[in-house]
Structures are given as structure tokens and as C-alpha cells.
Amino acid sequence: RLPGFMRALPEPRLRELLVRLSPKDAVDLVQELPVLVRREVLSRLPSELAASVRSLLRYPEDTAGGIMTNRFIALREDM
């Protein structure tokens, strides 16, 4: 299910692409990677993004957790 051009990308270029995506979109691509490539790519992402992606990867993609995002807006109560 990974688009052909993605399979042909060298790992450094794939990382560059993932860094530009939201964690949810990054998860959608990362979960299609072979396990060894996934581990390598995640180990080289910025730690905050890697943690977000790993957190979201724990949920099956057809569940609420699998389609959620971990980004949100927090507002003060007095606004």
C-alpha cells in the first residue's frame, strides 16, 4: 500500500518527508514500511516526533485510537 515512489526513496529522504508531516500523517506512512526500515527511520527522527509516532502506532488503524491525532489546542478557562 506504500506508493511506489515512497519505496524508492532513500532512508534520509524518507526522514525529511516524515518530519514535514503531522504525526498522524507520518504514522499512516510509517505503518506501511517494512519493520526493519520502520525501526531505522523512527530511530533517526527528532525525539518528540518519534515519540508521537510510536504512541499512535500502538493503536490498530481501524479504531478510534488509530484515527485520532495527538495534536490539540489548549485554551485557558477564562478566555
N, C-alpha and C. Protein backbone atom coordinates (compact mmCIF):
# COMPACT_ATOMS: atom_id res chain seq x y z
N ARG A 1 0.81 -1.21 0.00
CA ARG A 1 0.00 0.00 0.00
C ARG A 1 0.84 1.26 0.00
N LEU A 2 2.12 1.13 0.23
CA LEU A 2 3.02 2.28 0.18
C LEU A 2 3.21 2.66 -1.28
N PRO A 3 3.00 3.93 -1.64
CA PRO A 3 3.17 4.34 -3.04
C PRO A 3 4.55 3.98 -3.55
N GLY A 4 4.63 3.63 -4.83
CA GLY A 4 5.88 3.20 -5.43
C GLY A 4 7.04 4.16 -5.22
N PHE A 5 6.77 5.46 -5.36
CA PHE A 5 7.85 6.42 -5.20
C PHE A 5 8.40 6.42 -3.78
N MET A 6 7.54 6.10 -2.81
CA MET A 6 7.99 6.05 -1.41
C MET A 6 8.94 4.88 -1.19
N ARG A 7 8.66 3.76 -1.84
CA ARG A 7 9.52 2.58 -1.68
C ARG A 7 10.91 2.84 -2.26
N ALA A 8 10.98 3.74 -3.24
CA ALA A 8 12.25 4.02 -3.89
C ALA A 8 13.06 5.11 -3.18
N LEU A 9 12.46 5.80 -2.23
CA LEU A 9 13.17 6.88 -1.54
C LEU A 9 14.26 6.34 -0.63
N PRO A 10 15.44 6.94 -0.68
CA PRO A 10 16.47 6.56 0.29
C PRO A 10 16.00 6.97 1.69
N GLU A 11 16.46 6.25 2.68
CA GLU A 11 16.02 6.48 4.06
C GLU A 11 16.19 7.94 4.52
N PRO A 12 17.28 8.63 4.21
CA PRO A 12 17.38 10.04 4.64
C PRO A 12 16.29 10.93 4.03
N ARG A 13 15.92 10.69 2.78
CA ARG A 13 14.85 11.48 2.14
C ARG A 13 13.50 11.16 2.77
N LEU A 14 13.30 9.89 3.10
CA LEU A 14 12.06 9.49 3.75
C LEU A 14 11.93 10.21 5.10
N ARG A 15 13.02 10.28 5.85
CA ARG A 15 13.01 11.01 7.13
C ARG A 15 12.65 12.47 6.92
N GLU A 16 13.25 13.10 5.91
CA GLU A 16 12.95 14.50 5.62
C GLU A 16 11.46 14.70 5.35
N LEU A 17 10.87 13.78 4.62
CA LEU A 17 9.45 13.86 4.33
C LEU A 17 8.62 13.71 5.60
N LEU A 18 8.94 12.72 6.42
CA LEU A 18 8.18 12.46 7.63
C LEU A 18 8.22 13.64 8.61
N VAL A 19 9.35 14.31 8.68
CA VAL A 19 9.50 15.45 9.59
C VAL A 19 8.55 16.58 9.19
N ARG A 20 8.21 16.67 7.93
CA ARG A 20 7.33 17.74 7.45
C ARG A 20 5.85 17.42 7.63
N LEU A 21 5.54 16.20 7.98
CA LEU A 21 4.14 15.78 8.13
C LEU A 21 3.68 15.89 9.58
N SER A 22 2.38 15.91 9.76
CA SER A 22 1.82 15.82 11.11
C SER A 22 2.12 14.41 11.63
N PRO A 23 2.13 14.22 12.94
CA PRO A 23 2.36 12.87 13.47
C PRO A 23 1.38 11.85 12.90
N LYS A 24 0.11 12.21 12.75
CA LYS A 24 -0.89 11.28 12.23
C LYS A 24 -0.56 10.88 10.80
N ASP A 25 -0.20 11.85 9.95
CA ASP A 25 0.15 11.54 8.57
C ASP A 25 1.44 10.73 8.51
N ALA A 26 2.39 11.04 9.39
CA ALA A 26 3.63 10.26 9.45
C ALA A 26 3.33 8.81 9.81
N VAL A 27 2.41 8.60 10.75
CA VAL A 27 2.03 7.24 11.15
C VAL A 27 1.45 6.49 9.96
N ASP A 28 0.60 7.15 9.19
CA ASP A 28 -0.02 6.50 8.04
C ASP A 28 1.03 5.96 7.08
N LEU A 29 2.12 6.69 6.91
CA LEU A 29 3.19 6.22 6.03
C LEU A 29 4.09 5.20 6.71
N VAL A 30 4.47 5.47 7.94
CA VAL A 30 5.40 4.61 8.66
C VAL A 30 4.84 3.20 8.83
N GLN A 31 3.55 3.08 9.07
CA GLN A 31 2.99 1.75 9.31
C GLN A 31 3.02 0.88 8.06
N GLU A 32 3.25 1.48 6.90
CA GLU A 32 3.35 0.71 5.67
C GLU A 32 4.78 0.25 5.38
N LEU A 33 5.74 0.73 6.15
CA LEU A 33 7.14 0.37 5.92
C LEU A 33 7.43 -1.02 6.48
N PRO A 34 8.39 -1.72 5.87
CA PRO A 34 8.85 -2.97 6.49
C PRO A 34 9.37 -2.67 7.90
N VAL A 35 9.22 -3.62 8.80
CA VAL A 35 9.54 -3.41 10.21
C VAL A 35 10.97 -2.89 10.41
N LEU A 36 11.93 -3.47 9.74
CA LEU A 36 13.32 -3.03 9.93
C LEU A 36 13.53 -1.60 9.46
N VAL A 37 12.92 -1.24 8.34
CA VAL A 37 13.03 0.14 7.84
C VAL A 37 12.32 1.08 8.80
N ARG A 38 11.16 0.67 9.29
CA ARG A 38 10.40 1.48 10.25
C ARG A 38 11.24 1.79 11.48
N ARG A 39 11.88 0.78 12.03
CA ARG A 39 12.72 0.99 13.22
C ARG A 39 13.85 1.96 12.95
N GLU A 40 14.49 1.79 11.80
CA GLU A 40 15.62 2.65 11.45
C GLU A 40 15.16 4.10 11.28
N VAL A 41 14.07 4.29 10.57
CA VAL A 41 13.55 5.64 10.33
C VAL A 41 13.15 6.29 11.65
N LEU A 42 12.42 5.56 12.49
CA LEU A 42 11.98 6.13 13.77
C LEU A 42 13.17 6.47 14.67
N SER A 43 14.21 5.68 14.61
CA SER A 43 15.37 5.95 15.46
C SER A 43 16.10 7.23 15.06
N ARG A 44 15.86 7.70 13.85
CA ARG A 44 16.55 8.89 13.36
C ARG A 44 15.66 10.13 13.27
N LEU A 45 14.39 9.99 13.65
CA LEU A 45 13.51 11.16 13.68
C LEU A 45 13.79 11.98 14.94
N PRO A 46 13.42 13.27 14.92
CA PRO A 46 13.51 14.04 16.17
C PRO A 46 12.73 13.32 17.27
N SER A 47 13.25 13.35 18.47
CA SER A 47 12.69 12.54 19.56
C SER A 47 11.21 12.81 19.82
N GLU A 48 10.78 14.05 19.75
CA GLU A 48 9.36 14.36 20.01
C GLU A 48 8.46 13.75 18.94
N LEU A 49 8.85 13.87 17.68
CA LEU A 49 8.06 13.28 16.60
C LEU A 49 8.07 11.77 16.69
N ALA A 50 9.23 11.19 16.94
CA ALA A 50 9.32 9.73 17.06
C ALA A 50 8.43 9.22 18.18
N ALA A 51 8.40 9.92 19.31
CA ALA A 51 7.55 9.51 20.43
C ALA A 51 6.08 9.59 20.05
N SER A 52 5.69 10.65 19.36
CA SER A 52 4.30 10.79 18.92
C SER A 52 3.91 9.67 17.96
N VAL A 53 4.79 9.40 17.01
CA VAL A 53 4.51 8.34 16.03
C VAL A 53 4.42 6.99 16.72
N ARG A 54 5.36 6.69 17.59
CA ARG A 54 5.32 5.41 18.31
C ARG A 54 4.04 5.28 19.14
N SER A 55 3.64 6.36 19.77
CA SER A 55 2.42 6.35 20.57
C SER A 55 1.20 6.02 19.71
N LEU A 56 1.10 6.68 18.57
CA LEU A 56 -0.05 6.45 17.68
C LEU A 56 0.01 5.08 17.00
N LEU A 57 1.20 4.55 16.79
CA LEU A 57 1.33 3.23 16.15
C LEU A 57 0.79 2.10 17.03
N ARG A 58 0.62 2.35 18.31
CA ARG A 58 0.14 1.31 19.22
C ARG A 58 -1.32 0.93 18.97
N TYR A 59 -2.04 1.78 18.28
CA TYR A 59 -3.47 1.54 18.06
C TYR A 59 -3.71 0.94 16.68
N PRO A 60 -4.58 -0.07 16.58
CA PRO A 60 -4.95 -0.58 15.25
C PRO A 60 -5.56 0.56 14.43
N GLU A 61 -5.26 0.58 13.12
CA GLU A 61 -5.68 1.73 12.32
C GLU A 61 -7.19 1.85 12.15
N ASP A 62 -7.95 0.80 12.42
CA ASP A 62 -9.40 0.87 12.26
C ASP A 62 -10.13 1.13 13.58
N THR A 63 -9.40 1.67 14.58
CA THR A 63 -10.01 2.00 15.87
C THR A 63 -9.95 3.52 16.07
N ALA A 64 -10.65 3.99 17.09
CA ALA A 64 -10.63 5.43 17.39
C ALA A 64 -9.20 5.90 17.63
N GLY A 65 -8.42 5.12 18.36
CA GLY A 65 -7.03 5.49 18.61
C GLY A 65 -6.20 5.55 17.35
N GLY A 66 -6.54 4.70 16.39
CA GLY A 66 -5.80 4.65 15.13
C GLY A 66 -6.10 5.80 14.20
N ILE A 67 -7.23 6.47 14.40
CA ILE A 67 -7.56 7.59 13.53
C ILE A 67 -7.45 8.95 14.23
N MET A 68 -7.12 8.92 15.50
CA MET A 68 -7.01 10.18 16.24
C MET A 68 -5.68 10.86 15.95
N THR A 69 -5.59 12.09 16.37
CA THR A 69 -4.33 12.81 16.34
C THR A 69 -3.98 13.18 17.78
N ASN A 70 -2.72 13.38 18.04
CA ASN A 70 -2.34 13.78 19.40
C ASN A 70 -2.05 15.28 19.48
N ARG A 71 -2.45 16.00 18.47
CA ARG A 71 -2.32 17.45 18.48
C ARG A 71 -3.65 18.05 18.92
N PHE A 72 -3.57 19.05 19.76
CA PHE A 72 -4.78 19.70 20.24
C PHE A 72 -4.46 21.13 20.62
N ILE A 73 -5.51 21.91 20.77
CA ILE A 73 -5.37 23.30 21.20
C ILE A 73 -5.84 23.37 22.64
N ALA A 74 -5.06 23.98 23.49
CA ALA A 74 -5.44 24.17 24.89
C ALA A 74 -5.75 25.65 25.11
N LEU A 75 -6.92 25.92 25.63
CA LEU A 75 -7.33 27.29 25.92
C LEU A 75 -7.48 27.48 27.42
N ARG A 76 -7.20 28.68 27.86
CA ARG A 76 -7.41 28.98 29.27
C ARG A 76 -8.90 29.04 29.56
N GLU A 77 -9.26 28.69 30.75
CA GLU A 77 -10.67 28.68 31.15
C GLU A 77 -11.29 30.07 31.08
N ASP A 78 -10.51 31.12 31.34
CA ASP A 78 -11.05 32.48 31.39
C ASP A 78 -11.13 33.16 30.02
N MET A 79 -10.95 32.46 28.98
CA MET A 79 -11.00 33.07 27.64
C MET A 79 -12.41 33.21 27.13
